Protein backbone atom coordinates (compact mmCIF):
# COMPACT_ATOMS: atom_id res chain seq x y z
CA MET A 1 -47.10 23.11 82.21
CA LYS A 2 -50.37 24.83 81.29
CA PRO A 3 -52.41 23.59 78.28
CA THR A 4 -51.60 26.72 76.27
CA ASP A 5 -47.88 26.29 77.06
CA ARG A 6 -48.04 22.69 75.82
CA ALA A 7 -49.52 23.64 72.47
CA LEU A 8 -47.09 26.51 71.95
CA SER A 9 -44.10 24.37 72.95
CA ILE A 10 -45.03 21.91 70.19
CA PHE A 11 -44.87 24.63 67.53
CA GLU A 12 -41.64 25.95 69.03
CA ALA A 13 -40.16 22.44 68.81
CA PHE A 14 -40.89 22.35 65.08
CA GLU A 15 -39.41 25.84 64.72
CA THR A 16 -36.19 24.60 66.29
CA ALA A 17 -36.02 21.26 64.48
CA CYS A 18 -37.14 22.47 61.02
CA ARG A 19 -38.18 18.91 60.10
CA PRO A 20 -40.95 16.40 60.83
CA LEU A 21 -40.79 14.84 64.32
CA THR A 22 -41.97 11.57 65.76
CA LEU A 23 -44.19 11.69 68.81
CA SER A 24 -41.33 10.61 71.08
CA GLU A 25 -39.01 13.26 69.59
CA LEU A 26 -41.69 15.86 70.09
CA ALA A 27 -42.21 14.80 73.69
CA ARG A 28 -38.47 15.07 74.43
CA ALA A 29 -38.20 18.46 72.73
CA CYS A 30 -41.15 19.80 74.75
CA GLY A 31 -40.18 18.17 78.04
CA MET A 32 -43.54 16.40 78.25
CA PRO A 33 -44.51 12.75 78.79
CA VAL A 34 -45.31 10.94 75.55
CA SER A 35 -48.90 10.44 76.69
CA THR A 36 -49.34 14.19 77.23
CA SER A 37 -47.75 15.18 73.94
CA HIS A 38 -49.91 12.58 72.18
CA GLY A 39 -53.06 14.16 73.58
CA VAL A 40 -52.03 17.69 72.58
CA ALA A 41 -50.88 16.55 69.14
CA GLN A 42 -54.14 14.70 68.56
CA VAL A 43 -56.16 17.84 69.25
CA LEU A 44 -53.92 19.83 66.87
CA ILE A 45 -54.36 17.16 64.18
CA GLU A 46 -58.14 17.22 64.60
CA ARG A 47 -58.12 21.04 64.36
CA GLY A 48 -55.99 20.95 61.21
CA TYR A 49 -52.78 22.40 62.65
CA LEU A 50 -50.69 19.21 62.35
CA TYR A 51 -50.65 16.39 59.84
CA VAL A 52 -49.10 12.92 59.73
CA ALA A 53 -46.24 12.65 57.25
CA GLY A 54 -44.46 9.54 55.97
CA ARG A 55 -44.36 5.92 56.99
CA ARG A 56 -42.93 6.66 60.44
CA LYS A 57 -46.07 8.66 61.14
CA ASP A 58 -44.00 11.76 61.72
CA LEU A 59 -45.86 14.95 62.56
CA TYR A 60 -45.48 18.35 60.95
CA PRO A 61 -47.50 21.61 61.04
CA THR A 62 -49.83 22.48 58.20
CA ARG A 63 -49.96 26.02 56.82
CA ARG A 64 -53.09 26.78 58.83
CA LEU A 65 -51.14 28.58 61.55
CA VAL A 66 -49.21 30.59 58.93
CA ASP A 67 -52.37 31.60 57.09
CA MET A 68 -54.06 32.55 60.35
CA ALA A 69 -51.05 34.60 61.43
CA LEU A 70 -50.93 36.45 58.11
CA LYS A 71 -54.63 37.29 58.34
CA VAL A 72 -54.26 38.51 61.92
CA ALA A 73 -51.12 40.51 61.10
CA ALA A 74 -52.84 42.18 58.16
CA HIS A 75 -55.27 43.81 60.59
CA ASP A 76 -52.82 44.73 63.34
CA PRO A 77 -54.13 48.03 64.78
CA PHE A 78 -50.64 49.53 64.84
CA LEU A 79 -48.67 47.92 62.05
CA GLU A 80 -51.09 48.48 59.21
CA ARG A 81 -50.54 52.21 59.72
CA LEU A 82 -46.87 52.14 60.62
CA GLU A 83 -45.43 49.54 58.28
CA PRO A 84 -44.92 51.72 55.18
CA GLN A 85 -42.91 54.23 57.22
CA LEU A 86 -40.95 51.48 59.00
CA LEU A 87 -40.04 49.83 55.72
CA ALA A 88 -38.98 53.20 54.32
CA LEU A 89 -36.84 53.74 57.43
CA ARG A 90 -35.13 50.40 56.93
CA GLU A 91 -34.48 51.25 53.29
CA ALA A 92 -33.04 54.65 54.21
CA THR A 93 -30.79 53.39 57.03
CA GLN A 94 -30.02 49.89 55.71
CA GLU A 95 -30.22 48.74 59.33
CA THR A 96 -32.73 46.67 61.30
CA VAL A 97 -35.85 48.58 62.35
CA ILE A 98 -37.91 47.55 65.38
CA ILE A 99 -41.28 48.67 66.69
CA GLY A 100 -42.09 47.77 70.29
CA LYS A 101 -44.27 48.64 73.24
CA ARG A 102 -44.00 48.36 76.97
CA GLN A 103 -45.45 45.29 78.63
CA GLY A 104 -44.88 45.45 82.38
CA ASP A 105 -41.14 45.47 83.08
CA GLN A 106 -40.34 44.44 79.52
CA ILE A 107 -40.54 45.55 75.92
CA VAL A 108 -42.32 43.30 73.44
CA TYR A 109 -41.19 43.56 69.83
CA LEU A 110 -44.33 43.97 67.72
CA ALA A 111 -42.39 43.72 64.47
CA VAL A 112 -38.79 43.49 63.33
CA TYR A 113 -37.70 44.55 59.84
CA GLU A 114 -34.22 43.14 59.40
CA SER A 115 -31.41 44.92 57.61
CA PRO A 116 -30.62 43.62 54.11
CA GLN A 117 -26.93 43.55 55.03
CA THR A 118 -25.20 40.26 55.82
CA ILE A 119 -23.96 41.40 59.23
CA ARG A 120 -27.01 42.75 61.03
CA TYR A 121 -29.01 42.74 64.23
CA SER A 122 -31.67 40.03 64.27
CA ALA A 123 -34.52 39.32 66.67
CA PRO A 124 -37.95 37.69 66.30
CA ALA A 125 -41.25 39.50 66.56
CA GLY A 126 -42.69 38.78 69.98
CA ALA A 127 -39.29 38.86 71.68
CA LEU A 128 -39.40 40.19 75.23
CA LYS A 129 -36.54 42.46 76.30
CA PRO A 130 -35.75 44.28 79.56
CA LEU A 131 -36.62 47.97 79.80
CA HIS A 132 -33.29 49.06 81.25
CA SER A 133 -31.00 47.50 78.63
CA THR A 134 -32.82 48.31 75.38
CA SER A 135 -33.12 51.57 73.49
CA ILE A 136 -36.92 51.20 73.17
CA GLY A 137 -37.13 50.38 76.88
CA LYS A 138 -35.19 53.53 77.71
CA ALA A 139 -37.49 55.53 75.43
CA MET A 140 -40.48 54.18 77.38
CA LEU A 141 -38.82 54.97 80.71
CA GLY A 142 -38.02 58.42 79.39
CA GLU A 143 -41.75 59.07 79.09
CA LEU A 144 -42.26 58.64 82.85
CA ASP A 145 -42.36 61.57 85.23
CA ALA A 146 -39.79 61.68 88.05
CA ASP A 147 -42.04 60.08 90.67
CA SER A 148 -43.15 57.25 88.38
CA LEU A 149 -39.56 56.57 87.34
CA GLN A 150 -38.41 56.43 90.96
CA ALA A 151 -41.26 54.07 91.81
CA TRP A 152 -40.25 51.77 88.95
CA LEU A 153 -36.58 51.86 89.90
CA ALA A 154 -37.44 50.96 93.49
CA GLN A 155 -38.92 47.61 92.50
CA ALA A 156 -37.44 46.69 89.13
CA PRO A 157 -34.59 44.21 88.74
CA MET A 158 -31.76 45.52 86.56
CA PRO A 159 -29.58 42.50 85.78
CA ALA A 160 -26.43 42.76 83.67
CA ILE A 161 -27.34 41.46 80.22
CA THR A 162 -23.85 42.24 78.93
CA GLY A 163 -20.79 43.81 80.48
CA GLN A 164 -22.03 47.21 79.27
CA THR A 165 -25.52 47.08 80.81
CA LEU A 166 -26.42 49.89 83.19
CA THR A 167 -27.33 48.15 86.43
CA SER A 168 -27.60 51.04 88.92
CA ALA A 169 -30.50 53.44 89.29
CA SER A 170 -28.19 56.47 89.31
CA ALA A 171 -26.47 55.46 86.06
CA LEU A 172 -29.80 54.85 84.33
CA ILE A 173 -31.28 58.15 85.56
CA GLU A 174 -28.24 60.01 84.23
CA ASP A 175 -28.45 58.18 80.90
CA LEU A 176 -32.17 58.99 80.54
CA ALA A 177 -31.56 62.66 81.32
CA GLU A 178 -28.84 62.87 78.64
CA SER A 179 -31.10 61.05 76.18
CA ARG A 180 -34.03 63.41 76.74
CA GLN A 181 -31.73 66.37 76.16
CA ARG A 182 -30.39 65.09 72.84
CA GLY A 183 -33.83 63.81 71.73
CA TYR A 184 -33.18 60.08 71.32
CA PHE A 185 -32.20 57.07 73.43
CA LEU A 186 -29.15 54.88 72.93
CA THR A 187 -27.85 51.48 73.92
CA ARG A 188 -24.19 50.80 73.33
CA GLY A 189 -23.76 47.05 73.58
CA GLU A 190 -26.01 46.95 76.65
CA SER A 191 -28.43 44.35 75.30
CA VAL A 192 -26.26 42.56 72.74
CA SER A 193 -22.49 43.03 72.70
CA ASP A 194 -21.23 45.21 69.82
CA VAL A 195 -24.79 46.18 68.82
CA PHE A 196 -25.79 49.82 69.02
CA ALA A 197 -29.40 50.98 68.84
CA ALA A 198 -31.12 54.36 68.76
CA ALA A 199 -34.79 54.76 69.68
CA MET A 200 -37.49 57.39 69.93
CA PRO A 201 -41.07 57.31 71.21
CA VAL A 202 -43.93 57.59 68.74
CA ARG A 203 -47.57 58.28 69.57
CA VAL A 204 -50.10 56.07 67.82
CA GLN A 205 -53.80 55.82 68.67
CA ASN A 206 -53.30 57.43 72.09
CA GLU A 207 -50.52 54.97 72.97
CA VAL A 208 -46.78 55.44 73.11
CA LEU A 209 -44.67 52.94 71.19
CA GLY A 210 -40.96 52.93 70.51
CA ILE A 211 -39.13 52.80 67.19
CA ALA A 212 -35.50 51.69 67.14
CA VAL A 213 -32.80 51.30 64.53
CA ALA A 214 -30.17 48.73 65.49
CA GLY A 215 -26.98 47.46 63.93
CA PRO A 216 -23.32 46.63 64.51
CA ARG A 217 -21.32 49.24 66.36
CA TYR A 218 -18.85 49.95 63.56
CA ARG A 219 -21.65 51.01 61.21
CA MET A 220 -23.98 52.69 63.68
CA GLU A 221 -21.36 54.96 65.20
CA SER A 222 -20.33 56.41 61.85
CA THR A 223 -23.88 56.94 60.54
CA LEU A 224 -25.78 57.75 63.76
CA GLU A 225 -26.51 61.38 62.90
CA GLY A 226 -28.11 60.43 59.59
CA ILE A 227 -30.04 57.54 61.15
CA VAL A 228 -31.53 59.85 63.78
CA ALA A 229 -32.60 62.29 61.07
CA PHE A 230 -34.35 59.49 59.15
CA MET A 231 -36.06 58.34 62.36
CA ARG A 232 -37.38 61.83 63.06
CA THR A 233 -38.81 62.02 59.54
CA ALA A 234 -40.50 58.62 59.91
CA ILE A 235 -42.02 59.56 63.28
CA ASP A 236 -43.25 62.91 61.98
CA ASN A 237 -44.93 61.13 59.07
CA ILE A 238 -46.52 58.53 61.37
CA GLU A 239 -47.85 61.02 63.91
CA ASN A 240 -49.14 63.43 61.27
CA LYS A 241 -51.06 60.65 59.52
CA THR A 242 -52.46 59.01 62.65
CA PRO A 243 -55.81 60.33 63.90
């Protein structure tokens, strides 16, 4: 395990546990020897990211990482321009709104604005998703010319994420062609069972990102036309305001 992986695994262990952890508990959660986790934890304590809590000398993160993340996020080159429109889109659709970009053979979620409804699609920012099974991934593939798409298909794995995932090149090519014609890209339970998502590309600072609206099938199917209209308005506003 690389040093950066060790440090991140410690914070992920606290995210999972949601409570202070002893050094031995932390080592087990991270799959590291106690001596290794002690060394990493000691550095994080010295840098102010962890503190010792209670008589058992449990460890727990300070707010330093949160404060740092908030400061970094406040100056995100994409989100500071897009967020007002993305929040408005969530309000209009009452479904989860996602902004993502291509990263190799995957999509990385830059931000997720969850629906206020009890039953909703949820995912963390930073989640990595396959191109072929997500609406944003399809929107990114839809931007490729025929030769580039064929080159990607020739080397890309297309595993079945659910029983509805498109796993053949011919099926995906057909789906992308239909999506281009109608002007938006769909997944119908292909990434998460019973979750539908619609996505469109948006151009920001000379890059192409993807915006998706996702929710349970029974709601998305009945409101899809209106959702697509709201997405088009949001994208028009974003692209018209972005130099």
